[in-house]
Amino acid sequence: MQSPIFNNTVNQSQDRFALQGSHMLRVNLGRGDDVVARAGSMVAFEGMVEFDGEYQSPGQRQRQQHAGEALPLMRCFGQGQVYFANLAQHVHVLDVDHEGLTVDSSYVLALDAHLHWDVVSVESQYGIPGVGAYNLVISGQGKVAITTSGGPLAMRVTPDRYVSADADAVVAWSSSLRVQMQAQTSSKPVWSRRGNTGEGWELSFMGDGHVVVQPSELLPPQQTSFGEPLPFRQGQAPGLNQGGAWGPR
């Protein structure tokens, strides 16, 4: 057979997390370096690789159930290479360090198995019950692959330069940042989008770190635990209230 399609060959990078074009990730496994990935995101693998459901502590399961922020994971281990993708979204590899990473679980593709993650809560500055949202805080030192709908914008936050963004477009940020959820409106129906602007809740970031914003305010279609596809839905405002984790692990 002959076709230009055969020009799309494997990226032979020796990096543990290596991008294969813009929409696929390859992870090299071996020497006990397991990877945890979104359940069902494997598209191919080479070598002797096994897959199993990832254990979650009772505390993690309880907090996910309470928050409605589910992150179905699988553990990949063995010797070989595994290729991951999710709905042809753009894939990005980040190095997590002392800053930590807060991310909407809908955009987590894979992470080093030794990293710690947990659900955290956010409360609106208005103190309205139920307005807050939930995200994942990933800590430790290792690599995380996230996805975005389109090419993202990485915005730098410094002590003298804060950044605000539409809460539905924010994908991830440095956990070291201070975050406030707000709606610049004086009208009573704060649940609705502001006036005739079509804008709703926004997140303001202060401190020293980065914010990742995607050119979309819609979350990608997700798969339920029963394999039933969910339609596109408007994203929920993510955020982090410093020290707002739901109790000990």
Protein backbone atom coordinates (compact mmCIF):
# COMPACT_ATOMS: atom_id res chain seq x y z
CA MET A 1 0.00 0.00 0.00
CA GLN A 2 1.04 3.57 -0.64
CA SER A 3 -0.52 6.65 0.88
CA PRO A 4 0.47 9.94 2.54
CA ILE A 5 -1.11 8.49 5.68
CA PHE A 6 2.05 6.43 6.19
CA ASN A 7 4.00 9.63 6.75
CA ASN A 8 2.34 9.81 10.17
CA THR A 9 4.85 7.61 11.95
CA VAL A 10 5.72 7.22 15.62
CA ASN A 11 7.68 10.01 17.27
CA GLN A 12 10.82 8.19 18.43
CA SER A 13 11.47 10.51 21.37
CA GLN A 14 12.94 8.81 24.45
CA ASP A 15 10.91 11.05 26.78
CA ARG A 16 8.57 9.19 29.11
CA PHE A 17 5.63 11.41 28.02
CA ALA A 18 5.98 12.18 24.29
CA LEU A 19 3.43 13.91 22.06
CA GLN A 20 2.46 12.17 18.84
CA GLY A 21 1.29 15.15 16.83
CA SER A 22 -1.13 17.51 18.57
CA HIS A 23 -3.83 15.03 19.57
CA MET A 24 -2.13 11.93 20.92
CA LEU A 25 0.24 11.04 23.77
CA ARG A 26 2.70 8.17 24.05
CA VAL A 27 3.91 7.04 27.47
CA ASN A 28 6.91 4.74 27.88
CA LEU A 29 6.39 2.13 30.60
CA GLY A 30 9.03 0.12 32.41
CA ARG A 31 11.00 -0.26 35.64
CA GLY A 32 7.84 -0.02 37.72
CA ASP A 33 6.94 3.44 36.41
CA ASP A 34 3.17 2.98 36.14
CA VAL A 35 0.90 5.58 34.60
CA VAL A 36 -2.67 6.41 35.56
CA ALA A 37 -4.93 7.51 32.69
CA ARG A 38 -8.52 8.40 31.95
CA ALA A 39 -10.50 5.18 31.65
CA GLY A 40 -11.03 4.26 28.01
CA SER A 41 -8.43 6.70 26.64
CA MET A 42 -6.02 4.04 25.34
CA VAL A 43 -5.99 3.93 21.54
CA ALA A 44 -3.01 1.60 20.98
CA PHE A 45 -0.08 -0.03 22.77
CA GLU A 46 3.11 -1.94 22.04
CA GLY A 47 4.81 -4.52 24.23
CA MET A 48 3.61 -6.35 27.33
CA VAL A 49 1.21 -3.85 28.91
CA GLU A 50 -1.63 -4.55 31.31
CA PHE A 51 -4.59 -2.40 32.35
CA ASP A 52 -6.52 -2.38 35.60
CA GLY A 53 -8.95 -0.14 37.44
CA GLU A 54 -7.24 2.41 39.68
CA TYR A 55 -7.85 2.13 43.40
CA GLN A 56 -9.40 5.18 45.04
CA SER A 57 -9.48 5.64 48.78
CA PRO A 58 -12.89 5.80 50.51
CA GLY A 59 -12.24 9.50 51.16
CA GLN A 60 -11.59 10.19 47.48
CA ARG A 61 -14.73 8.32 46.41
CA GLN A 62 -16.83 10.14 49.00
CA ARG A 63 -15.56 13.55 47.96
CA GLN A 64 -16.09 12.78 44.27
CA GLN A 65 -19.63 11.60 44.96
CA HIS A 66 -20.39 14.69 47.01
CA ALA A 67 -18.87 17.04 44.44
CA GLY A 68 -20.13 15.31 41.32
CA GLU A 69 -16.55 15.61 40.01
CA ALA A 70 -15.83 12.08 38.81
CA LEU A 71 -12.46 11.02 37.44
CA PRO A 72 -12.66 7.40 36.18
CA LEU A 73 -9.09 6.14 36.04
CA MET A 74 -7.19 3.06 34.93
CA ARG A 75 -3.66 1.97 35.82
CA CYS A 76 -1.32 0.96 33.01
CA PHE A 77 1.78 -1.10 33.84
CA GLY A 78 4.30 -3.45 32.29
CA GLN A 79 6.93 -3.01 29.59
CA GLY A 80 6.13 -1.09 26.43
CA GLN A 81 4.48 2.02 25.07
CA VAL A 82 0.87 3.13 25.45
CA TYR A 83 -0.88 5.69 23.25
CA PHE A 84 -3.65 7.86 24.71
CA ALA A 85 -6.16 10.30 23.20
CA ASN A 86 -9.59 11.72 23.97
CA LEU A 87 -11.95 12.85 21.21
CA ALA A 88 -9.07 14.28 19.13
CA GLN A 89 -8.55 17.08 21.64
CA HIS A 90 -5.21 18.88 21.83
CA VAL A 91 -2.82 17.21 24.29
CA HIS A 92 -0.33 19.08 26.49
CA VAL A 93 2.29 17.73 28.92
CA LEU A 94 3.01 19.65 32.13
CA ASP A 95 5.67 19.13 34.78
CA VAL A 96 4.12 19.34 38.23
CA ASP A 97 6.42 20.63 40.96
CA HIS A 98 6.09 22.54 44.23
CA GLU A 99 3.42 24.81 42.69
CA GLY A 100 1.00 21.95 42.18
CA LEU A 101 -1.70 21.88 39.50
CA THR A 102 -5.44 22.46 39.79
CA VAL A 103 -7.42 21.17 36.82
CA ASP A 104 -10.96 20.37 35.78
CA SER A 105 -11.17 16.55 35.77
CA SER A 106 -12.77 16.67 32.30
CA TYR A 107 -9.37 17.64 30.88
CA VAL A 108 -7.13 15.10 32.64
CA LEU A 109 -5.70 12.52 30.21
CA ALA A 110 -2.83 10.82 32.07
CA LEU A 111 -0.46 11.35 34.99
CA ASP A 112 2.43 9.64 36.74
CA ALA A 113 1.00 7.10 39.16
CA HIS A 114 3.07 8.40 42.09
CA LEU A 115 1.40 11.83 41.99
CA HIS A 116 -1.32 12.56 44.54
CA TRP A 117 -4.70 13.98 43.50
CA ASP A 118 -7.82 14.98 45.37
CA VAL A 119 -11.08 16.89 44.92
CA VAL A 120 -11.25 20.45 46.26
CA SER A 121 -14.15 22.86 46.61
CA VAL A 122 -14.64 26.46 45.64
CA GLU A 123 -17.09 28.89 47.09
CA SER A 124 -18.38 32.00 45.42
CA GLN A 125 -17.27 35.28 46.96
CA TYR A 126 -21.00 35.94 47.34
CA GLY A 127 -21.31 33.01 49.73
CA ILE A 128 -24.26 31.55 47.85
CA PRO A 129 -24.66 27.84 48.64
CA GLY A 130 -24.23 25.69 45.56
CA VAL A 131 -22.49 28.33 43.46
CA GLY A 132 -19.05 26.94 44.21
CA ALA A 133 -17.54 24.31 41.92
CA TYR A 134 -15.10 21.45 42.24
CA ASN A 135 -11.76 20.56 40.67
CA LEU A 136 -8.77 18.30 41.19
CA VAL A 137 -5.57 19.35 42.91
CA ILE A 138 -2.58 17.30 41.73
CA SER A 139 0.56 17.49 43.86
CA GLY A 140 3.98 15.90 44.00
CA GLN A 141 6.65 15.88 41.32
CA GLY A 142 5.97 14.31 37.95
CA LYS A 143 4.19 14.70 34.64
CA VAL A 144 0.53 15.30 33.83
CA ALA A 145 -1.07 15.31 30.39
CA ILE A 146 -4.16 17.46 29.95
CA THR A 147 -6.38 18.15 26.96
CA THR A 148 -7.96 21.30 25.58
CA SER A 149 -10.59 22.03 22.94
CA GLY A 150 -8.34 23.87 20.51
CA GLY A 151 -4.97 25.50 21.11
CA PRO A 152 -4.87 27.06 24.59
CA LEU A 153 -3.53 30.33 25.95
CA ALA A 154 -1.11 30.10 28.90
CA MET A 155 -1.29 33.33 30.89
CA ARG A 156 1.36 34.39 33.38
CA VAL A 157 0.22 35.71 36.76
CA THR A 158 2.56 37.82 38.89
CA PRO A 159 2.08 39.69 42.18
CA ASP A 160 1.64 42.94 40.25
CA ARG A 161 -0.37 41.46 37.38
CA TYR A 162 -3.51 39.47 38.11
CA VAL A 163 -5.57 37.68 35.46
CA SER A 164 -9.33 37.18 35.13
CA ALA A 165 -10.96 34.67 32.79
CA ASP A 166 -14.35 33.22 31.97
CA ALA A 167 -14.85 30.34 34.39
CA ASP A 168 -16.17 28.12 31.59
CA ALA A 169 -12.96 28.56 29.56
CA VAL A 170 -10.42 27.96 32.34
CA VAL A 171 -8.83 24.51 32.16
CA ALA A 172 -6.05 24.54 34.78
CA TRP A 173 -3.85 26.76 36.92
CA SER A 174 -1.00 26.69 39.42
CA SER A 175 -2.38 25.60 42.80
CA SER A 176 -0.21 28.23 44.47
CA LEU A 177 -2.44 30.99 43.04
CA ARG A 178 -5.19 32.66 45.03
CA VAL A 179 -8.52 32.41 43.25
CA GLN A 180 -11.79 34.28 43.54
CA MET A 181 -15.03 33.58 41.71
CA GLN A 182 -17.03 36.67 40.87
CA ALA A 183 -19.70 38.14 38.62
CA GLN A 184 -19.44 41.87 37.88
CA THR A 185 -23.13 42.61 38.19
CA SER A 186 -25.38 44.66 40.41
CA SER A 187 -28.54 42.84 39.34
CA LYS A 188 -30.25 40.37 41.64
CA PRO A 189 -30.35 37.33 39.35
CA VAL A 190 -26.67 36.46 39.83
CA TRP A 191 -27.40 32.96 38.57
CA SER A 192 -27.94 34.27 35.03
CA ARG A 193 -25.35 35.60 32.64
CA ARG A 194 -24.62 39.28 33.07
CA GLY A 195 -27.16 41.52 31.39
CA ASN A 196 -27.04 41.26 27.61
CA THR A 197 -23.30 40.51 27.46
CA GLY A 198 -23.64 36.73 27.56
CA GLU A 199 -20.90 36.63 30.20
CA GLY A 200 -21.34 34.77 33.46
CA TRP A 201 -19.02 33.82 36.31
CA GLU A 202 -15.36 34.66 36.05
CA LEU A 203 -12.28 33.61 37.99
CA SER A 204 -9.66 36.09 39.16
CA PHE A 205 -6.14 34.79 39.82
CA MET A 206 -3.54 36.47 42.03
CA GLY A 207 -0.05 35.49 43.10
CA ASP A 208 2.72 33.87 41.07
CA GLY A 209 1.95 31.13 38.55
CA HIS A 210 0.12 30.29 35.33
CA VAL A 211 -3.45 29.94 34.07
CA VAL A 212 -4.42 27.82 31.06
CA VAL A 213 -7.43 29.05 29.07
CA GLN A 214 -8.93 27.26 26.07
CA PRO A 215 -10.76 28.86 23.12
CA SER A 216 -14.02 27.18 24.07
CA GLU A 217 -16.60 27.45 26.82
CA LEU A 218 -17.98 23.96 26.29
CA LEU A 219 -16.75 20.79 27.94
CA PRO A 220 -16.16 17.86 25.58
CA PRO A 221 -18.65 14.98 25.45
CA GLN A 222 -17.96 12.56 28.28
CA GLN A 223 -18.64 8.86 28.78
CA THR A 224 -20.60 7.74 31.81
CA SER A 225 -19.50 4.74 33.85
CA PHE A 226 -22.12 2.75 31.94
CA GLY A 227 -20.68 3.73 28.57
CA GLU A 228 -23.56 6.03 27.69
CA PRO A 229 -22.36 9.14 25.83
CA LEU A 230 -23.25 12.50 27.28
CA PRO A 231 -23.89 15.48 24.97
CA PHE A 232 -21.91 18.68 24.93
CA ARG A 233 -22.74 20.76 27.99
CA GLN A 234 -21.92 24.19 29.23
CA GLY A 235 -18.89 24.04 31.51
CA GLN A 236 -19.22 24.67 35.21
CA ALA A 237 -17.12 27.35 36.77
CA PRO A 238 -13.95 25.79 38.21
CA GLY A 239 -12.02 27.31 41.06
CA LEU A 240 -10.01 26.80 44.19
CA ASN A 241 -10.63 28.05 47.67
CA GLN A 242 -7.25 27.97 49.43
CA GLY A 243 -7.33 25.15 51.95
CA GLY A 244 -10.76 24.06 50.70
CA ALA A 245 -10.08 20.34 50.35
CA TRP A 246 -12.87 18.17 51.74
CA GLY A 247 -11.11 16.89 54.83
CA PRO A 248 -8.26 14.40 55.14
CA ARG A 249 -7.67 11.63 52.68
